[in-house]
Amino acid sequence: MLFVLVVLLSAGKLGVTALRLFPDRPFVFAKASPSISVAEVHAQETAQAAPHKTASGTMEAAAESSRKSSEENFVSPETWAAIREQKKALETKEMELKEREARLQEMEQEIENRLKELIAIQDKIKQAQQEIQAFREEREQARNAQVQALAKIYGNMKPKEASQLLETLDEPLAVKVISLMSPDQVAKILASMETKKAAKLSRALTGR
């Protein structure tokens, strides 16, 4: 309002000056002066009001944003303490998990090494069993060769002498020796042998 009054007073002074300069044509200024004054007034009011509105709106928007940001970011000390405790607990838990994972990896490595050792031991046991089996077969072949040699020797002896030697042998060995002889040789040897011993060997030969 004060600005409008100042503008009107300025227009009045301009009108007085114009009358002094153009006394014979007062109507020109009378028609033009009001139009110019009104246009200037509106233009100046608009130009002056716009920055005020813009600045005011910007300040209000900044204040509102600051208020909302303050409300959103405001956290009580108790909440901060709880957050720190929770973060600390999470860090401790994460460290425990990492340590447990490391121990598990060590256990897995140890188990893997033990498995390798067991596999190696099993291979050695298998190899030893094969060697033992080969040794048994070799020994059995040697014993069979010895039995065959004894059977040949006893078969070439006199029946009485052969029967006396067979009586000194273990029954399984004596049966093996007799089983490799011819039926005639066996009959002569058993006839020269003691009756009970001959009967026992005969039952063993027949599998009874």
C-alpha atoms as a PDB file:
ATOM      1  CA  MET A   1       0.000   0.000   0.000  1.00  0.00           C
ATOM      2  CA  LEU A   2       2.813   2.375   0.823  1.00  0.00           C
ATOM      3  CA  PHE A   3       4.432   1.536  -2.482  1.00  0.00           C
ATOM      4  CA  VAL A   4       1.214   2.473  -4.315  1.00  0.00           C
ATOM      5  CA  LEU A   5       1.069   5.828  -2.543  1.00  0.00           C
ATOM      6  CA  VAL A   6       4.678   6.511  -3.477  1.00  0.00           C
ATOM      7  CA  VAL A   7       3.924   5.699  -7.106  1.00  0.00           C
ATOM      8  CA  LEU A   8       0.857   7.993  -7.119  1.00  0.00           C
ATOM      9  CA  LEU A   9       2.833  10.871  -5.650  1.00  0.00           C
ATOM     10  CA  SER A  10       5.506  10.380  -8.297  1.00  0.00           C
ATOM     11  CA  ALA A  11       2.848  10.444 -10.990  1.00  0.00           C
ATOM     12  CA  GLY A  12       1.423  13.635  -9.569  1.00  0.00           C
ATOM     13  CA  LYS A  13       4.812  15.312  -9.688  1.00  0.00           C
ATOM     14  CA  LEU A  14       5.259  14.178 -13.277  1.00  0.00           C
ATOM     15  CA  GLY A  15       1.870  15.690 -14.123  1.00  0.00           C
ATOM     16  CA  VAL A  16       2.794  19.037 -12.622  1.00  0.00           C
ATOM     17  CA  THR A  17       6.072  19.065 -14.514  1.00  0.00           C
ATOM     18  CA  ALA A  18       4.276  18.252 -17.764  1.00  0.00           C
ATOM     19  CA  LEU A  19       1.806  21.103 -17.290  1.00  0.00           C
ATOM     20  CA  ARG A  20       4.684  23.503 -16.848  1.00  0.00           C
ATOM     21  CA  LEU A  21       6.454  22.189 -19.940  1.00  0.00           C
ATOM     22  CA  PHE A  22       3.329  21.865 -22.135  1.00  0.00           C
ATOM     23  CA  PRO A  23       0.786  24.424 -20.927  1.00  0.00           C
ATOM     24  CA  ASP A  24      -1.004  24.464 -24.228  1.00  0.00           C
ATOM     25  CA  ARG A  25      -1.523  20.643 -24.403  1.00  0.00           C
ATOM     26  CA  PRO A  26      -2.580  19.472 -20.983  1.00  0.00           C
ATOM     27  CA  PHE A  27      -4.913  16.809 -22.352  1.00  0.00           C
ATOM     28  CA  VAL A  28      -2.047  14.711 -23.746  1.00  0.00           C
ATOM     29  CA  PHE A  29      -0.570  14.049 -20.372  1.00  0.00           C
ATOM     30  CA  ALA A  30      -3.982  13.752 -18.811  1.00  0.00           C
ATOM     31  CA  LYS A  31      -4.810  10.832 -21.128  1.00  0.00           C
ATOM     32  CA  ALA A  32      -1.387   9.219 -21.065  1.00  0.00           C
ATOM     33  CA  SER A  33      -0.429   9.709 -17.457  1.00  0.00           C
ATOM     34  CA  PRO A  34      -3.086   7.519 -15.812  1.00  0.00           C
ATOM     35  CA  SER A  35      -2.441   4.676 -18.256  1.00  0.00           C
ATOM     36  CA  ILE A  36       1.319   4.729 -17.681  1.00  0.00           C
ATOM     37  CA  SER A  37       0.947   5.023 -13.936  1.00  0.00           C
ATOM     38  CA  VAL A  38      -1.424   2.057 -13.697  1.00  0.00           C
ATOM     39  CA  ALA A  39       0.763  -0.122 -15.953  1.00  0.00           C
ATOM     40  CA  GLU A  40       3.867   0.766 -14.010  1.00  0.00           C
ATOM     41  CA  VAL A  41       2.124   0.141 -10.717  1.00  0.00           C
ATOM     42  CA  HIS A  42       0.958  -3.319 -11.790  1.00  0.00           C
ATOM     43  CA  ALA A  43       4.330  -4.203 -13.291  1.00  0.00           C
ATOM     44  CA  GLN A  44       6.235  -3.090 -10.227  1.00  0.00           C
ATOM     45  CA  GLU A  45       3.818  -4.775  -7.848  1.00  0.00           C
ATOM     46  CA  THR A  46       4.078  -8.005  -9.840  1.00  0.00           C
ATOM     47  CA  ALA A  47       7.871  -7.816 -10.091  1.00  0.00           C
ATOM     48  CA  GLN A  48       8.211  -7.046  -6.395  1.00  0.00           C
ATOM     49  CA  ALA A  49       5.660  -9.595  -5.252  1.00  0.00           C
ATOM     50  CA  ALA A  50       7.088 -12.450  -7.366  1.00  0.00           C
ATOM     51  CA  PRO A  51      10.519 -12.557  -5.688  1.00  0.00           C
ATOM     52  CA  HIS A  52       8.868 -12.288  -2.266  1.00  0.00           C
ATOM     53  CA  LYS A  53       6.546 -15.189  -3.073  1.00  0.00           C
ATOM     54  CA  THR A  54       9.370 -17.243  -4.591  1.00  0.00           C
ATOM     55  CA  ALA A  55      11.727 -16.620  -1.694  1.00  0.00           C
ATOM     56  CA  SER A  56       8.954 -17.214   0.811  1.00  0.00           C
ATOM     57  CA  GLY A  57       7.935 -20.471  -0.899  1.00  0.00           C
ATOM     58  CA  THR A  58      11.538 -21.664  -1.086  1.00  0.00           C
ATOM     59  CA  MET A  59      12.119 -20.886   2.562  1.00  0.00           C
ATOM     60  CA  GLU A  60       8.904 -22.620   3.581  1.00  0.00           C
ATOM     61  CA  ALA A  61       9.778 -25.692   1.461  1.00  0.00           C
ATOM     62  CA  ALA A  62      13.299 -25.827   2.949  1.00  0.00           C
ATOM     63  CA  ALA A  63      11.907 -25.481   6.470  1.00  0.00           C
ATOM     64  CA  GLU A  64       9.351 -28.239   5.832  1.00  0.00           C
ATOM     65  CA  SER A  65      12.023 -30.535   4.364  1.00  0.00           C
ATOM     66  CA  SER A  66      14.349 -29.836   7.285  1.00  0.00           C
ATOM     67  CA  ARG A  67      11.530 -30.536   9.730  1.00  0.00           C
ATOM     68  CA  LYS A  68      10.645 -33.840   8.061  1.00  0.00           C
ATOM     69  CA  SER A  69      14.318 -34.828   7.847  1.00  0.00           C
ATOM     70  CA  SER A  70      14.784 -33.994  11.523  1.00  0.00           C
ATOM     71  CA  GLU A  71      11.701 -36.018  12.449  1.00  0.00           C
ATOM     72  CA  GLU A  72      12.845 -38.974  10.338  1.00  0.00           C
ATOM     73  CA  ASN A  73      16.469 -38.906  11.517  1.00  0.00           C
ATOM     74  CA  PHE A  74      15.720 -38.296  15.153  1.00  0.00           C
ATOM     75  CA  VAL A  75      16.662 -41.382  17.212  1.00  0.00           C
ATOM     76  CA  SER A  76      16.697 -41.536  20.961  1.00  0.00           C
ATOM     77  CA  PRO A  77      19.905 -42.481  22.853  1.00  0.00           C
ATOM     78  CA  GLU A  78      18.235 -45.686  24.025  1.00  0.00           C
ATOM     79  CA  THR A  79      17.525 -46.669  20.425  1.00  0.00           C
ATOM     80  CA  TRP A  80      21.103 -45.907  19.399  1.00  0.00           C
ATOM     81  CA  ALA A  81      22.358 -48.018  22.311  1.00  0.00           C
ATOM     82  CA  ALA A  82      20.088 -50.890  21.274  1.00  0.00           C
ATOM     83  CA  ILE A  83      21.285 -50.610  17.670  1.00  0.00           C
ATOM     84  CA  ARG A  84      24.928 -50.653  18.778  1.00  0.00           C
ATOM     85  CA  GLU A  85      24.296 -53.689  20.995  1.00  0.00           C
ATOM     86  CA  GLN A  86      22.558 -55.488  18.149  1.00  0.00           C
ATOM     87  CA  LYS A  87      25.396 -54.630  15.746  1.00  0.00           C
ATOM     88  CA  LYS A  88      27.937 -55.860  18.278  1.00  0.00           C
ATOM     89  CA  ALA A  89      25.967 -59.089  18.755  1.00  0.00           C
ATOM     90  CA  LEU A  90      25.794 -59.599  14.983  1.00  0.00           C
ATOM     91  CA  GLU A  91      29.539 -59.025  14.634  1.00  0.00           C
ATOM     92  CA  THR A  92      30.210 -61.512  17.453  1.00  0.00           C
ATOM     93  CA  LYS A  93      27.884 -64.056  15.852  1.00  0.00           C
ATOM     94  CA  GLU A  94      29.541 -63.570  12.477  1.00  0.00           C
ATOM     95  CA  MET A  95      32.966 -64.085  14.049  1.00  0.00           C
ATOM     96  CA  GLU A  96      31.753 -67.267  15.785  1.00  0.00           C
ATOM     97  CA  LEU A  97      30.360 -68.550  12.491  1.00  0.00           C
ATOM     98  CA  LYS A  98      33.663 -67.877  10.738  1.00  0.00           C
ATOM     99  CA  GLU A  99      35.572 -69.694  13.502  1.00  0.00           C
ATOM    100  CA  ARG A 100      33.144 -72.617  13.345  1.00  0.00           C
ATOM    101  CA  GLU A 101      33.490 -72.740   9.566  1.00  0.00           C
ATOM    102  CA  ALA A 102      37.284 -72.803   9.937  1.00  0.00           C
ATOM    103  CA  ARG A 103      37.038 -75.659  12.466  1.00  0.00           C
ATOM    104  CA  LEU A 104      34.708 -77.568  10.166  1.00  0.00           C
ATOM    105  CA  GLN A 105      37.139 -77.165   7.300  1.00  0.00           C
ATOM    106  CA  GLU A 106      39.952 -78.458   9.513  1.00  0.00           C
ATOM    107  CA  MET A 107      37.797 -81.427  10.557  1.00  0.00           C
ATOM    108  CA  GLU A 108      36.907 -82.154   6.940  1.00  0.00           C
ATOM    109  CA  GLN A 109      40.576 -82.045   5.994  1.00  0.00           C
ATOM    110  CA  GLU A 110      41.455 -84.341   8.911  1.00  0.00           C
ATOM    111  CA  ILE A 111      38.679 -86.776   7.990  1.00  0.00           C
ATOM    112  CA  GLU A 112      39.823 -86.752   4.383  1.00  0.00           C
ATOM    113  CA  ASN A 113      43.383 -87.514   5.485  1.00  0.00           C
ATOM    114  CA  ARG A 114      42.128 -90.330   7.750  1.00  0.00           C
ATOM    115  CA  LEU A 115      40.098 -91.759   4.880  1.00  0.00           C
ATOM    116  CA  LYS A 116      43.172 -91.725   2.678  1.00  0.00           C
ATOM    117  CA  GLU A 117      45.117 -93.516   5.418  1.00  0.00           C
ATOM    118  CA  LEU A 118      42.328 -96.090   5.821  1.00  0.00           C
ATOM    119  CA  ILE A 119      42.218 -96.666   2.079  1.00  0.00           C
ATOM    120  CA  ALA A 120      45.979 -97.165   2.067  1.00  0.00           C
ATOM    121  CA  ILE A 121      45.685 -99.605   4.993  1.00  0.00           C
ATOM    122  CA  GLN A 122      42.891-101.490   3.231  1.00  0.00           C
ATOM    123  CA  ASP A 123      45.043-101.765   0.123  1.00  0.00           C
ATOM    124  CA  LYS A 124      47.891-103.121   2.233  1.00  0.00           C
ATOM    125  CA  ILE A 125      45.546-105.607   3.939  1.00  0.00           C
ATOM    126  CA  LYS A 126      44.199-106.729   0.583  1.00  0.00           C
ATOM    127  CA  GLN A 127      47.705-107.130  -0.756  1.00  0.00           C
ATOM    128  CA  ALA A 128      48.695-109.106   2.366  1.00  0.00           C
ATOM    129  CA  GLN A 129      45.652-111.363   1.991  1.00  0.00           C
ATOM    130  CA  GLN A 130      46.575-112.018  -1.603  1.00  0.00           C
ATOM    131  CA  GLU A 131      50.122-112.843  -0.567  1.00  0.00           C
ATOM    132  CA  ILE A 132      48.851-115.146   2.177  1.00  0.00           C
ATOM    133  CA  GLN A 133      46.503-116.881  -0.248  1.00  0.00           C
ATOM    134  CA  ALA A 134      49.321-117.299  -2.736  1.00  0.00           C
ATOM    135  CA  PHE A 135      51.527-118.687   0.027  1.00  0.00           C
ATOM    136  CA  ARG A 136      48.837-121.143   1.099  1.00  0.00           C
ATOM    137  CA  GLU A 137      48.327-122.311  -2.443  1.00  0.00           C
ATOM    138  CA  GLU A 138      52.072-122.679  -2.893  1.00  0.00           C
ATOM    139  CA  ARG A 139      52.341-124.555   0.374  1.00  0.00           C
ATOM    140  CA  GLU A 140      49.437-126.791  -0.573  1.00  0.00           C
ATOM    141  CA  GLN A 141      51.058-127.556  -3.880  1.00  0.00           C
ATOM    142  CA  ALA A 142      54.298-128.380  -2.077  1.00  0.00           C
ATOM    143  CA  ARG A 143      52.507-130.652   0.367  1.00  0.00           C
ATOM    144  CA  ASN A 144      50.687-132.372  -2.471  1.00  0.00           C
ATOM    145  CA  ALA A 145      54.016-132.888  -4.189  1.00  0.00           C
ATOM    146  CA  GLN A 146      55.437-134.361  -0.957  1.00  0.00           C
ATOM    147  CA  VAL A 147      52.406-136.652  -0.534  1.00  0.00           C
ATOM    148  CA  GLN A 148      52.750-137.816  -4.096  1.00  0.00           C
ATOM    149  CA  ALA A 149      56.429-138.522  -3.474  1.00  0.00           C
ATOM    150  CA  LEU A 150      55.579-140.472  -0.276  1.00  0.00           C
ATOM    151  CA  ALA A 151      52.901-142.434  -2.100  1.00  0.00           C
ATOM    152  CA  LYS A 152      55.378-143.374  -4.796  1.00  0.00           C
ATOM    153  CA  ILE A 153      57.985-144.357  -2.199  1.00  0.00           C
ATOM    154  CA  TYR A 154      55.541-146.416  -0.096  1.00  0.00           C
ATOM    155  CA  GLY A 155      54.183-148.041  -3.242  1.00  0.00           C
ATOM    156  CA  ASN A 156      57.644-149.320  -4.153  1.00  0.00           C
ATOM    157  CA  MET A 157      58.255-150.706  -0.661  1.00  0.00           C
ATOM    158  CA  LYS A 158      57.235-154.070   0.663  1.00  0.00           C
ATOM    159  CA  PRO A 159      53.646-154.019   2.024  1.00  0.00           C
ATOM    160  CA  LYS A 160      54.760-154.869   5.585  1.00  0.00           C
ATOM    161  CA  GLU A 161      57.339-152.087   5.732  1.00  0.00           C
ATOM    162  CA  ALA A 162      54.946-149.619   4.119  1.00  0.00           C
ATOM    163  CA  SER A 163      52.201-150.460   6.606  1.00  0.00           C
ATOM    164  CA  GLN A 164      54.547-149.916   9.566  1.00  0.00           C
ATOM    165  CA  LEU A 165      55.549-146.490   8.260  1.00  0.00           C
ATOM    166  CA  LEU A 166      51.949-145.479   7.510  1.00  0.00           C
ATOM    167  CA  GLU A 167      50.958-146.329  11.088  1.00  0.00           C
ATOM    168  CA  THR A 168      53.422-143.689  12.372  1.00  0.00           C
ATOM    169  CA  LEU A 169      51.893-140.939  10.221  1.00  0.00           C
ATOM    170  CA  ASP A 170      48.930-138.764  11.154  1.00  0.00           C
ATOM    171  CA  GLU A 171      45.683-140.220   9.948  1.00  0.00           C
ATOM    172  CA  PRO A 172      44.887-137.382   7.436  1.00  0.00           C
ATOM    173  CA  LEU A 173      48.364-137.660   5.910  1.00  0.00           C
ATOM    174  CA  ALA A 174      48.218-141.442   5.825  1.00  0.00           C
ATOM    175  CA  VAL A 175      44.839-141.278   4.077  1.00  0.00           C
ATOM    176  CA  LYS A 176      46.230-138.852   1.452  1.00  0.00           C
ATOM    177  CA  VAL A 177      49.229-141.122   0.811  1.00  0.00           C
ATOM    178  CA  ILE A 178      47.089-144.245   0.454  1.00  0.00           C
ATOM    179  CA  SER A 179      44.599-142.426  -1.795  1.00  0.00           C
ATOM    180  CA  LEU A 180      47.383-141.808  -4.317  1.00  0.00           C
ATOM    181  CA  MET A 181      48.334-145.500  -4.540  1.00  0.00           C
ATOM    182  CA  SER A 182      46.905-148.089  -6.816  1.00  0.00           C
ATOM    183  CA  PRO A 183      44.150-150.351  -5.463  1.00  0.00           C
ATOM    184  CA  ASP A 184      46.504-153.400  -5.435  1.00  0.00           C
ATOM    185  CA  GLN A 185      49.136-151.538  -3.423  1.00  0.00           C
ATOM    186  CA  VAL A 186      46.522-150.292  -0.933  1.00  0.00           C
ATOM    187  CA  ALA A 187      45.061-153.805  -0.479  1.00  0.00           C
ATOM    188  CA  LYS A 188      48.482-155.306   0.257  1.00  0.00           C
ATOM    189  CA  ILE A 189      49.432-152.560   2.706  1.00  0.00           C
ATOM    190  CA  LEU A 190      46.126-152.712   4.598  1.00  0.00           C
ATOM    191  CA  ALA A 191      46.430-156.543   4.797  1.00  0.00           C
ATOM    192  CA  SER A 192      49.842-156.163   6.428  1.00  0.00           C
ATOM    193  CA  MET A 193      48.577-153.529   8.883  1.00  0.00           C
ATOM    194  CA  GLU A 194      47.001-154.031  12.273  1.00  0.00           C
ATOM    195  CA  THR A 195      43.312-154.813  11.948  1.00  0.00           C
ATOM    196  CA  LYS A 196      41.960-151.777  13.866  1.00  0.00           C
ATOM    197  CA  LYS A 197      44.302-149.378  12.108  1.00  0.00           C
ATOM    198  CA  ALA A 198      43.482-150.849   8.711  1.00  0.00           C
ATOM    199  CA  ALA A 199      39.750-150.583   9.424  1.00  0.00           C
ATOM    200  CA  LYS A 200      40.102-146.940  10.504  1.00  0.00           C
ATOM    201  CA  LEU A 201      42.037-146.001   7.382  1.00  0.00           C
ATOM    202  CA  SER A 202      39.513-147.852   5.214  1.00  0.00           C
ATOM    203  CA  ARG A 203      36.628-145.870   6.713  1.00  0.00           C
ATOM    204  CA  ALA A 204      38.572-142.635   6.176  1.00  0.00           C
ATOM    205  CA  LEU A 205      39.235-143.565   2.539  1.00  0.00           C
ATOM    206  CA  THR A 206      35.558-144.248   1.902  1.00  0.00           C
ATOM    207  CA  GLY A 207      34.506-141.033   3.679  1.00  0.00           C
ATOM    208  CA  ARG A 208      32.452-142.747   6.352  1.00  0.00           C
END
